[in-house]
Amino acid sequence: MHLVIKKILTIFFLLFVFSCNQNKKIDAIDTKQINLTDSLEIYNPTKISLTNKKQVLENPSHKVYTYLNVSCSSCLFELNEWSTIAQKFKELNTEVIFICYSKDKFQYFKYLYEDDQIKRLPFPFLLDSNDIFLRNNSMFKKYELGQVFLTDASGKIILNGNIIHSENLLNKYLTLIKRNK
């Protein structure tokens, strides 16, 4: 009996230690900021009206950045799920910034989008042809799926995680935006 209690206490102790380390990782990312570079090409096939800051919204309260591999078929079709989510963010005065990279010079992506095989989105795409955005923003990793970051208006990261596959995380993003309006 004494041995069982000892094992249970050890397990709780280990859980406590690992949960503390997890929080430190989140705090470390909070101090980072996302920087857009002038090297990003705007792909705006639906001719969405843009402000002088090359945004859809004049003064967004928040921004959601996602880094997408558009030479990957399954990644591309994930954009269809973004159509509903992006509209929710737009209604909350939150700009969604789709930063795309590709192995095929964006040909496959442009073909599918212009052929209406990908649903229309209320925001344009920023194409990172030379990986300059990636080099300037170390929190993004090439070929890693589900890279989504919520920032304040200045680009300071508030939260990160893949909202496409987690309704709970999406709700957390939306709640934070509503609370900080």
N, C-alpha and C. Protein backbone atom coordinates (compact mmCIF):
# COMPACT_ATOMS: atom_id res chain seq x y z
N MET A 1 0.83 -1.19 0.00
CA MET A 1 0.00 0.00 0.00
C MET A 1 0.87 1.26 0.00
N HIS A 2 1.90 1.25 0.82
CA HIS A 2 2.81 2.38 0.91
C HIS A 2 3.51 2.64 -0.43
N LEU A 3 3.83 1.58 -1.14
CA LEU A 3 4.48 1.67 -2.44
C LEU A 3 3.55 2.30 -3.48
N VAL A 4 2.27 1.97 -3.43
CA VAL A 4 1.29 2.53 -4.36
C VAL A 4 1.15 4.04 -4.16
N ILE A 5 1.08 4.47 -2.93
CA ILE A 5 0.97 5.90 -2.63
C ILE A 5 2.23 6.62 -3.11
N LYS A 6 3.38 6.02 -2.91
CA LYS A 6 4.64 6.62 -3.36
C LYS A 6 4.65 6.79 -4.89
N LYS A 7 4.17 5.78 -5.61
CA LYS A 7 4.12 5.85 -7.08
C LYS A 7 3.15 6.95 -7.53
N ILE A 8 2.01 7.04 -6.88
CA ILE A 8 1.02 8.07 -7.24
C ILE A 8 1.59 9.46 -7.01
N LEU A 9 2.25 9.67 -5.89
CA LEU A 9 2.86 10.97 -5.61
C LEU A 9 3.95 11.31 -6.61
N THR A 10 4.72 10.31 -7.00
CA THR A 10 5.77 10.52 -8.00
C THR A 10 5.15 10.94 -9.34
N ILE A 11 4.09 10.30 -9.73
CA ILE A 11 3.41 10.65 -10.99
C ILE A 11 2.89 12.08 -10.95
N PHE A 12 2.25 12.47 -9.84
CA PHE A 12 1.75 13.84 -9.71
C PHE A 12 2.89 14.85 -9.74
N PHE A 13 3.99 14.52 -9.10
CA PHE A 13 5.14 15.40 -9.10
C PHE A 13 5.67 15.60 -10.52
N LEU A 14 5.80 14.51 -11.27
CA LEU A 14 6.29 14.60 -12.65
C LEU A 14 5.33 15.40 -13.53
N LEU A 15 4.04 15.20 -13.37
CA LEU A 15 3.06 15.99 -14.12
C LEU A 15 3.19 17.46 -13.81
N PHE A 16 3.39 17.79 -12.57
CA PHE A 16 3.55 19.18 -12.15
C PHE A 16 4.79 19.80 -12.79
N VAL A 17 5.90 19.08 -12.76
CA VAL A 17 7.15 19.58 -13.34
C VAL A 17 7.01 19.81 -14.83
N PHE A 18 6.42 18.85 -15.56
CA PHE A 18 6.28 19.00 -17.01
C PHE A 18 5.29 20.09 -17.37
N SER A 19 4.25 20.28 -16.59
CA SER A 19 3.29 21.34 -16.90
C SER A 19 3.92 22.70 -16.69
N CYS A 20 4.82 22.83 -15.75
CA CYS A 20 5.53 24.10 -15.55
C CYS A 20 6.43 24.41 -16.74
N ASN A 21 7.12 23.41 -17.25
CA ASN A 21 7.98 23.62 -18.43
C ASN A 21 7.17 24.03 -19.63
N GLN A 22 5.98 23.49 -19.79
CA GLN A 22 5.10 23.83 -20.91
C GLN A 22 4.76 25.32 -20.86
N ASN A 23 4.44 25.85 -19.70
CA ASN A 23 4.10 27.27 -19.55
C ASN A 23 5.28 28.16 -19.92
N LYS A 24 6.49 27.74 -19.61
CA LYS A 24 7.66 28.55 -19.95
C LYS A 24 7.81 28.68 -21.45
N LYS A 25 7.51 27.63 -22.19
CA LYS A 25 7.59 27.69 -23.65
C LYS A 25 6.59 28.70 -24.20
N ILE A 26 5.40 28.73 -23.66
CA ILE A 26 4.38 29.68 -24.12
C ILE A 26 4.81 31.09 -23.79
N ASP A 27 5.34 31.34 -22.60
CA ASP A 27 5.79 32.68 -22.23
C ASP A 27 6.90 33.16 -23.15
N ALA A 28 7.79 32.26 -23.53
CA ALA A 28 8.91 32.65 -24.38
C ALA A 28 8.44 33.14 -25.74
N ILE A 29 7.41 32.52 -26.28
CA ILE A 29 6.91 32.93 -27.60
C ILE A 29 6.15 34.26 -27.52
N ASP A 30 5.59 34.57 -26.35
CA ASP A 30 4.83 35.81 -26.20
C ASP A 30 5.68 37.05 -26.40
N THR A 31 6.98 36.95 -26.22
CA THR A 31 7.83 38.13 -26.36
C THR A 31 8.24 38.37 -27.81
N LYS A 32 7.93 37.45 -28.70
CA LYS A 32 8.31 37.59 -30.10
C LYS A 32 7.28 38.40 -30.87
N GLN A 33 7.72 38.90 -32.00
CA GLN A 33 6.87 39.71 -32.85
C GLN A 33 7.03 39.26 -34.29
N ILE A 34 5.93 39.26 -35.04
CA ILE A 34 5.96 38.87 -36.45
C ILE A 34 6.20 40.12 -37.29
N ASN A 35 7.12 39.99 -38.23
CA ASN A 35 7.46 41.11 -39.10
C ASN A 35 7.22 40.73 -40.56
N LEU A 36 6.40 41.51 -41.23
CA LEU A 36 6.19 41.29 -42.67
C LEU A 36 7.31 41.99 -43.43
N THR A 37 7.71 41.39 -44.52
CA THR A 37 8.78 41.98 -45.33
C THR A 37 8.20 42.50 -46.64
N ASP A 38 8.90 43.44 -47.25
CA ASP A 38 8.47 44.00 -48.54
C ASP A 38 8.63 42.99 -49.67
N SER A 39 9.35 41.91 -49.42
CA SER A 39 9.60 40.91 -50.46
C SER A 39 8.38 40.05 -50.76
N LEU A 40 7.35 40.12 -49.93
CA LEU A 40 6.15 39.30 -50.14
C LEU A 40 5.33 39.86 -51.29
N GLU A 41 5.00 38.99 -52.24
CA GLU A 41 4.18 39.38 -53.39
C GLU A 41 2.71 39.18 -53.02
N ILE A 42 1.88 40.16 -53.34
CA ILE A 42 0.44 40.05 -53.06
C ILE A 42 -0.23 39.30 -54.21
N TYR A 43 -0.93 38.24 -53.86
CA TYR A 43 -1.74 37.51 -54.84
C TYR A 43 -3.19 37.76 -54.47
N ASN A 44 -3.86 38.54 -55.31
CA ASN A 44 -5.22 39.01 -55.02
C ASN A 44 -6.11 38.78 -56.24
N PRO A 45 -6.39 37.52 -56.58
CA PRO A 45 -7.12 37.22 -57.81
C PRO A 45 -8.57 37.70 -57.81
N THR A 46 -9.16 37.88 -56.65
CA THR A 46 -10.56 38.33 -56.60
C THR A 46 -10.66 39.85 -56.46
N LYS A 47 -9.53 40.52 -56.55
CA LYS A 47 -9.47 41.98 -56.54
C LYS A 47 -10.13 42.58 -55.29
N ILE A 48 -9.80 42.02 -54.13
CA ILE A 48 -10.28 42.54 -52.86
C ILE A 48 -9.67 43.92 -52.67
N SER A 49 -10.47 44.88 -52.25
CA SER A 49 -9.99 46.24 -52.01
C SER A 49 -9.03 46.24 -50.81
N LEU A 50 -7.85 46.86 -51.02
CA LEU A 50 -6.84 46.90 -49.97
C LEU A 50 -6.57 48.33 -49.53
N THR A 51 -6.19 48.50 -48.26
CA THR A 51 -5.82 49.81 -47.73
C THR A 51 -4.41 50.14 -48.21
N ASN A 52 -3.94 51.33 -47.85
CA ASN A 52 -2.58 51.71 -48.23
C ASN A 52 -1.53 50.87 -47.50
N LYS A 53 -1.93 50.15 -46.44
CA LYS A 53 -1.03 49.24 -45.73
C LYS A 53 -1.09 47.83 -46.32
N LYS A 54 -1.75 47.70 -47.46
CA LYS A 54 -1.90 46.42 -48.16
C LYS A 54 -2.66 45.40 -47.30
N GLN A 55 -3.66 45.91 -46.58
CA GLN A 55 -4.53 45.08 -45.75
C GLN A 55 -5.96 45.26 -46.24
N VAL A 56 -6.84 44.37 -45.80
CA VAL A 56 -8.26 44.49 -46.12
C VAL A 56 -8.93 45.45 -45.13
N LEU A 57 -8.59 45.33 -43.87
CA LEU A 57 -9.19 46.15 -42.81
C LEU A 57 -8.32 47.37 -42.54
N GLU A 58 -8.96 48.52 -42.30
CA GLU A 58 -8.23 49.77 -42.10
C GLU A 58 -7.37 49.74 -40.83
N ASN A 59 -7.97 49.43 -39.69
CA ASN A 59 -7.24 49.38 -38.43
C ASN A 59 -7.63 48.13 -37.65
N PRO A 60 -7.11 46.98 -38.05
CA PRO A 60 -7.52 45.74 -37.37
C PRO A 60 -7.06 45.73 -35.91
N SER A 61 -7.92 45.19 -35.04
CA SER A 61 -7.56 45.09 -33.62
C SER A 61 -6.55 43.98 -33.39
N HIS A 62 -6.61 42.94 -34.21
CA HIS A 62 -5.72 41.79 -34.11
C HIS A 62 -5.40 41.30 -35.51
N LYS A 63 -4.41 40.41 -35.57
CA LYS A 63 -4.06 39.77 -36.84
C LYS A 63 -3.84 38.28 -36.58
N VAL A 64 -4.26 37.48 -37.54
CA VAL A 64 -4.01 36.05 -37.50
C VAL A 64 -3.11 35.74 -38.68
N TYR A 65 -1.92 35.20 -38.39
CA TYR A 65 -0.96 34.83 -39.42
C TYR A 65 -0.96 33.32 -39.56
N THR A 66 -0.98 32.85 -40.80
CA THR A 66 -0.79 31.42 -41.04
C THR A 66 0.19 31.24 -42.18
N TYR A 67 1.08 30.29 -42.01
CA TYR A 67 2.14 30.03 -42.99
C TYR A 67 1.82 28.71 -43.66
N LEU A 68 1.53 28.76 -44.97
CA LEU A 68 0.98 27.61 -45.68
C LEU A 68 1.88 27.11 -46.80
N ASN A 69 1.99 25.80 -46.90
CA ASN A 69 2.68 25.17 -48.01
C ASN A 69 1.65 24.95 -49.12
N VAL A 70 1.67 25.78 -50.15
CA VAL A 70 0.65 25.69 -51.20
C VAL A 70 1.08 24.79 -52.37
N SER A 71 2.15 24.04 -52.20
CA SER A 71 2.49 23.02 -53.20
C SER A 71 2.08 21.64 -52.68
N CYS A 72 1.43 21.61 -51.54
CA CYS A 72 0.95 20.38 -50.91
C CYS A 72 -0.57 20.31 -51.08
N SER A 73 -1.07 19.25 -51.72
CA SER A 73 -2.50 19.14 -52.02
C SER A 73 -3.38 19.20 -50.79
N SER A 74 -3.07 18.42 -49.77
CA SER A 74 -3.93 18.41 -48.57
C SER A 74 -3.87 19.76 -47.85
N CYS A 75 -2.71 20.42 -47.90
CA CYS A 75 -2.60 21.75 -47.28
C CYS A 75 -3.47 22.76 -48.02
N LEU A 76 -3.48 22.64 -49.35
CA LEU A 76 -4.29 23.55 -50.17
C LEU A 76 -5.78 23.40 -49.87
N PHE A 77 -6.23 22.17 -49.76
CA PHE A 77 -7.65 21.97 -49.53
C PHE A 77 -8.07 22.33 -48.11
N GLU A 78 -7.08 22.50 -47.22
CA GLU A 78 -7.36 23.01 -45.89
C GLU A 78 -7.83 24.47 -45.98
N LEU A 79 -7.46 25.14 -47.07
CA LEU A 79 -7.91 26.52 -47.27
C LEU A 79 -9.43 26.61 -47.34
N ASN A 80 -10.09 25.55 -47.78
CA ASN A 80 -11.56 25.55 -47.83
C ASN A 80 -12.14 25.70 -46.42
N GLU A 81 -11.47 25.13 -45.43
CA GLU A 81 -11.92 25.28 -44.06
C GLU A 81 -11.68 26.70 -43.55
N TRP A 82 -10.69 27.37 -44.09
CA TRP A 82 -10.39 28.73 -43.71
C TRP A 82 -11.46 29.72 -44.17
N SER A 83 -12.23 29.38 -45.20
CA SER A 83 -13.19 30.35 -45.74
C SER A 83 -14.19 30.79 -44.67
N THR A 84 -14.72 29.87 -43.90
CA THR A 84 -15.68 30.21 -42.84
C THR A 84 -14.98 30.89 -41.67
N ILE A 85 -13.84 30.35 -41.29
CA ILE A 85 -13.10 30.90 -40.14
C ILE A 85 -12.63 32.33 -40.43
N ALA A 86 -12.11 32.57 -41.63
CA ALA A 86 -11.61 33.89 -41.99
C ALA A 86 -12.73 34.93 -41.94
N GLN A 87 -13.92 34.53 -42.35
CA GLN A 87 -15.06 35.46 -42.31
C GLN A 87 -15.39 35.83 -40.86
N LYS A 88 -15.32 34.87 -39.94
CA LYS A 88 -15.56 35.16 -38.51
C LYS A 88 -14.56 36.19 -38.00
N PHE A 89 -13.29 36.00 -38.36
CA PHE A 89 -12.27 36.95 -37.93
C PHE A 89 -12.50 38.33 -38.52
N LYS A 90 -12.88 38.38 -39.78
CA LYS A 90 -13.13 39.66 -40.44
C LYS A 90 -14.25 40.42 -39.73
N GLU A 91 -15.30 39.70 -39.33
CA GLU A 91 -16.42 40.32 -38.61
C GLU A 91 -15.98 40.87 -37.25
N LEU A 92 -14.90 40.35 -36.70
CA LEU A 92 -14.36 40.84 -35.42
C LEU A 92 -13.20 41.83 -35.63
N ASN A 93 -13.10 42.40 -36.82
CA ASN A 93 -12.06 43.37 -37.15
C ASN A 93 -10.65 42.80 -36.96
N THR A 94 -10.50 41.56 -37.38
CA THR A 94 -9.21 40.88 -37.28
C THR A 94 -8.76 40.47 -38.68
N GLU A 95 -7.60 40.96 -39.06
CA GLU A 95 -7.01 40.66 -40.37
C GLU A 95 -6.43 39.25 -40.37
N VAL A 96 -6.70 38.48 -41.40
CA VAL A 96 -6.08 37.17 -41.56
C VAL A 96 -5.04 37.29 -42.66
N ILE A 97 -3.82 36.92 -42.34
CA ILE A 97 -2.70 37.07 -43.27
C ILE A 97 -2.21 35.69 -43.66
N PHE A 98 -2.48 35.33 -44.90
CA PHE A 98 -2.09 34.03 -45.44
C PHE A 98 -0.72 34.20 -46.11
N ILE A 99 0.31 33.68 -45.48
CA ILE A 99 1.65 33.74 -46.06
C ILE A 99 1.93 32.36 -46.64
N CYS A 100 2.23 32.33 -47.91
CA CYS A 100 2.33 31.06 -48.63
C CYS A 100 3.74 30.84 -49.16
N TYR A 101 4.17 29.59 -49.13
CA TYR A 101 5.41 29.20 -49.76
C TYR A 101 5.13 28.00 -50.64
N SER A 102 6.00 27.78 -51.63
CA SER A 102 5.74 26.74 -52.61
C SER A 102 7.03 26.23 -53.22
N LYS A 103 6.99 24.98 -53.63
CA LYS A 103 8.13 24.38 -54.34
C LYS A 103 7.97 24.56 -55.85
N ASP A 104 6.77 24.93 -56.30
CA ASP A 104 6.50 24.99 -57.75
C ASP A 104 6.17 26.40 -58.23
N LYS A 105 6.70 27.39 -57.57
CA LYS A 105 6.48 28.80 -57.94
C LYS A 105 4.99 29.17 -57.94
N PHE A 106 4.22 28.52 -57.08
CA PHE A 106 2.81 28.82 -56.84
C PHE A 106 1.88 28.46 -58.01
N GLN A 107 2.37 27.71 -58.98
CA GLN A 107 1.57 27.38 -60.15
C GLN A 107 0.36 26.51 -59.80
N TYR A 108 0.56 25.47 -59.02
CA TYR A 108 -0.53 24.56 -58.64
C TYR A 108 -1.59 25.31 -57.84
N PHE A 109 -1.15 26.09 -56.88
CA PHE A 109 -2.05 26.89 -56.05
C PHE A 109 -2.88 27.85 -56.90
N LYS A 110 -2.25 28.60 -57.76
CA LYS A 110 -2.96 29.57 -58.60
C LYS A 110 -3.94 28.87 -59.53
N TYR A 111 -3.54 27.75 -60.07
CA TYR A 111 -4.44 27.00 -60.95
C TYR A 111 -5.71 26.59 -60.19
N LEU A 112 -5.55 25.97 -59.03
CA LEU A 112 -6.71 25.51 -58.25
C LEU A 112 -7.59 26.67 -57.80
N TYR A 113 -6.97 27.76 -57.39
CA TYR A 113 -7.74 28.92 -56.91
C TYR A 113 -8.53 29.55 -58.05
N GLU A 114 -7.88 29.74 -59.17
CA GLU A 114 -8.54 30.37 -60.32
C GLU A 114 -9.55 29.46 -60.98
N ASP A 115 -9.43 28.15 -60.76
CA ASP A 115 -10.38 27.17 -61.28
C ASP A 115 -11.52 26.91 -60.28
N ASP A 116 -11.59 27.70 -59.20
CA ASP A 116 -12.62 27.60 -58.16
C ASP A 116 -12.63 26.25 -57.43
N GLN A 117 -11.50 25.59 -57.37
CA GLN A 117 -11.42 24.35 -56.60
C GLN A 117 -11.08 24.63 -55.14
N ILE A 118 -10.72 25.86 -54.87
CA ILE A 118 -10.50 26.34 -53.50
C ILE A 118 -11.49 27.47 -53.29
N LYS A 119 -12.21 27.42 -52.16
CA LYS A 119 -13.22 28.46 -51.88
C LYS A 119 -12.57 29.83 -51.76
N ARG A 120 -13.34 30.83 -52.13
CA ARG A 120 -12.87 32.21 -52.05
C ARG A 120 -12.72 32.63 -50.60
N LEU A 121 -11.69 33.41 -50.35
CA LEU A 121 -11.42 33.91 -49.00
C LEU A 121 -11.52 35.42 -48.99
N PRO A 122 -11.89 36.01 -47.85
CA PRO A 122 -12.06 37.47 -47.80
C PRO A 122 -10.75 38.25 -47.63
N PHE A 123 -9.62 37.57 -47.81
CA PHE A 123 -8.31 38.21 -47.68
C PHE A 123 -7.41 37.73 -48.81
N PRO A 124 -6.45 38.55 -49.23
CA PRO A 124 -5.51 38.11 -50.26
C PRO A 124 -4.43 37.21 -49.66
N PHE A 125 -3.54 36.74 -50.51
CA PHE A 125 -2.44 35.88 -50.09
C PHE A 125 -1.13 36.63 -50.28
N LEU A 126 -0.17 36.37 -49.41
CA LEU A 126 1.16 36.93 -49.55
C LEU A 126 2.10 35.77 -49.88
N LEU A 127 2.79 35.89 -51.01
CA LEU A 127 3.63 34.81 -51.50
C LEU A 127 5.09 35.06 -51.13
N ASP A 128 5.68 34.11 -50.44
CA ASP A 128 7.07 34.20 -49.99
C ASP A 128 7.95 33.37 -50.93
N SER A 129 8.30 33.94 -52.06
CA SER A 129 9.03 33.21 -53.11
C SER A 129 10.44 32.84 -52.71
N ASN A 130 11.10 33.67 -51.94
CA ASN A 130 12.51 33.45 -51.63
C ASN A 130 12.78 33.12 -50.17
N ASP A 131 11.75 32.75 -49.43
CA ASP A 131 11.87 32.39 -48.00
C ASP A 131 12.40 33.53 -47.14
N ILE A 132 12.26 34.76 -47.58
CA ILE A 132 12.75 35.89 -46.78
C ILE A 132 11.88 36.07 -45.53
N PHE A 133 10.56 35.93 -45.67
CA PHE A 133 9.69 36.01 -44.49
C PHE A 133 10.09 34.95 -43.48
N LEU A 134 10.32 33.75 -43.95
CA LEU A 134 10.71 32.64 -43.09
C LEU A 134 12.00 32.95 -42.34
N ARG A 135 12.99 33.49 -43.03
CA ARG A 135 14.27 33.82 -42.38
C ARG A 135 14.13 34.93 -41.35
N ASN A 136 13.19 35.86 -41.58
CA ASN A 136 13.01 36.99 -40.66
C ASN A 136 12.07 36.69 -39.49
N ASN A 137 11.42 35.55 -39.51
CA ASN A 137 10.46 35.18 -38.47
C ASN A 137 10.73 33.73 -38.05
N SER A 138 11.65 33.57 -37.13
CA SER A 138 12.13 32.24 -36.75
C SER A 138 11.08 31.36 -36.09
N MET A 139 9.98 31.93 -35.66
CA MET A 139 8.94 31.09 -35.03
C MET A 139 8.21 30.22 -36.05
N PHE A 140 8.30 30.57 -37.34
CA PHE A 140 7.71 29.76 -38.40
C PHE A 140 8.74 28.75 -38.89
N LYS A 141 8.28 27.55 -39.17
CA LYS A 141 9.16 26.48 -39.65
C LYS A 141 8.69 26.01 -41.02
N LYS A 142 9.61 25.90 -41.95
CA LYS A 142 9.26 25.44 -43.29
C LYS A 142 8.81 23.99 -43.24
N TYR A 143 7.79 23.67 -44.00
CA TYR A 143 7.21 22.33 -44.13
C TYR A 143 6.50 21.83 -42.87
N GLU A 144 6.27 22.69 -41.91
CA GLU A 144 5.53 22.29 -40.72
C GLU A 144 4.09 22.74 -40.88
N LEU A 145 3.16 21.82 -40.67
CA LEU A 145 1.74 22.13 -40.86
C LEU A 145 1.15 22.84 -39.65
N GLY A 146 0.07 23.58 -39.88
CA GLY A 146 -0.71 24.15 -38.79
C GLY A 146 -0.07 25.30 -38.05
N GLN A 147 0.68 26.12 -38.75
CA GLN A 147 1.33 27.26 -38.10
C GLN A 147 0.41 28.47 -38.14
N VAL A 148 -0.22 28.74 -37.02
CA VAL A 148 -1.17 29.85 -36.92
C VAL A 148 -0.83 30.65 -35.66
N PHE A 149 -0.73 31.97 -35.81
CA PHE A 149 -0.39 32.85 -34.70
C PHE A 149 -1.40 33.99 -34.62
N LEU A 150 -1.86 34.28 -33.43
CA LEU A 150 -2.71 35.45 -33.16
C LEU A 150 -1.81 36.52 -32.57
N THR A 151 -1.89 37.74 -33.14
CA THR A 151 -1.10 38.86 -32.62
C THR A 151 -2.01 40.03 -32.32
N ASP A 152 -1.47 40.98 -31.56
CA ASP A 152 -2.17 42.24 -31.41
C ASP A 152 -1.94 43.04 -32.70
N ALA A 153 -2.42 44.26 -32.75
CA ALA A 153 -2.32 45.06 -33.97
C ALA A 153 -0.87 45.35 -34.38
N SER A 154 0.03 45.38 -33.40
CA SER A 154 1.44 45.69 -33.71
C SER A 154 2.24 44.48 -34.13
N GLY A 155 1.67 43.27 -34.02
CA GLY A 155 2.37 42.06 -34.44
C GLY A 155 2.93 41.24 -33.30
N LYS A 156 2.72 41.65 -32.04
CA LYS A 156 3.21 40.88 -30.89
C LYS A 156 2.34 39.63 -30.72
N ILE A 157 2.99 38.48 -30.65
CA ILE A 157 2.27 37.21 -30.57
C ILE A 157 1.57 37.06 -29.22
N ILE A 158 0.28 36.72 -29.30
CA ILE A 158 -0.54 36.51 -28.11
C ILE A 158 -0.77 35.01 -27.89
N LEU A 159 -1.00 34.29 -29.00
CA LEU A 159 -1.38 32.89 -28.91
C LEU A 159 -0.97 32.19 -30.20
N ASN A 160 -0.66 30.90 -30.13
CA ASN A 160 -0.37 30.17 -31.35
C ASN A 160 -0.93 28.76 -31.25
N GLY A 161 -1.20 28.18 -32.41
CA GLY A 161 -1.72 26.82 -32.49
C GLY A 161 -2.64 26.69 -33.69
N ASN A 162 -2.81 25.46 -34.14
CA ASN A 162 -3.61 25.17 -35.33
C ASN A 162 -5.10 25.22 -35.02
N ILE A 163 -5.78 26.25 -35.47
CA ILE A 163 -7.21 26.42 -35.20
C ILE A 163 -8.08 25.65 -36.19
N ILE A 164 -7.50 25.13 -37.25
CA ILE A 164 -8.26 24.36 -38.23
C ILE A 164 -8.72 23.04 -37.64
N HIS A 165 -7.85 22.41 -36.86
CA HIS A 165 -8.15 21.08 -36.34
C HIS A 165 -8.56 21.08 -34.86
N SER A 166 -8.74 22.26 -34.28
CA SER A 166 -9.12 22.33 -32.88
C SER A 166 -10.17 23.42 -32.67
N GLU A 167 -11.40 23.00 -32.50
CA GLU A 167 -12.48 23.96 -32.26
C GLU A 167 -12.26 24.69 -30.93
N ASN A 168 -11.72 23.99 -29.94
CA ASN A 168 -11.44 24.63 -28.65
C ASN A 168 -10.44 25.76 -28.80
N LEU A 169 -9.40 25.53 -29.58
CA LEU A 169 -8.39 26.58 -29.79
C LEU A 169 -8.97 27.74 -30.60
N LEU A 170 -9.77 27.42 -31.60
CA LEU A 170 -10.44 28.48 -32.37
C LEU A 170 -11.29 29.34 -31.44
N ASN A 171 -12.05 28.71 -30.57
CA ASN A 171 -12.88 29.47 -29.62
C ASN A 171 -12.03 30.32 -28.68
N LYS A 172 -10.85 29.81 -28.32
CA LYS A 172 -9.94 30.59 -27.48
C LYS A 172 -9.46 31.84 -28.23
N TYR A 173 -9.12 31.68 -29.50
CA TYR A 173 -8.72 32.84 -30.32
C TYR A 173 -9.86 33.87 -30.35
N LEU A 174 -11.06 33.39 -30.67
CA LEU A 174 -12.21 34.30 -30.81
C LEU A 174 -12.52 34.99 -29.48
N THR A 175 -12.44 34.26 -28.37
CA THR A 175 -12.71 34.84 -27.05
C THR A 175 -11.69 35.92 -26.72
N LEU A 176 -10.41 35.64 -26.98
CA LEU A 176 -9.38 36.65 -26.72
C LEU A 176 -9.60 37.91 -27.54
N ILE A 177 -9.97 37.74 -28.79
CA ILE A 177 -10.21 38.90 -29.64
C ILE A 177 -11.39 39.72 -29.12
N LYS A 178 -12.47 39.05 -28.78
CA LYS A 178 -13.66 39.75 -28.27
C LYS A 178 -13.34 40.47 -26.96
N ARG A 179 -12.57 39.84 -26.10
CA ARG A 179 -12.24 40.43 -24.80
C ARG A 179 -11.35 41.65 -24.94
N ASN A 180 -10.47 41.65 -25.93
CA ASN A 180 -9.48 42.73 -26.08
C ASN A 180 -9.87 43.78 -27.11
N LYS A 181 -11.12 43.82 -27.51
CA LYS A 181 -11.56 44.82 -28.50
C LYS A 181 -11.63 46.18 -27.90
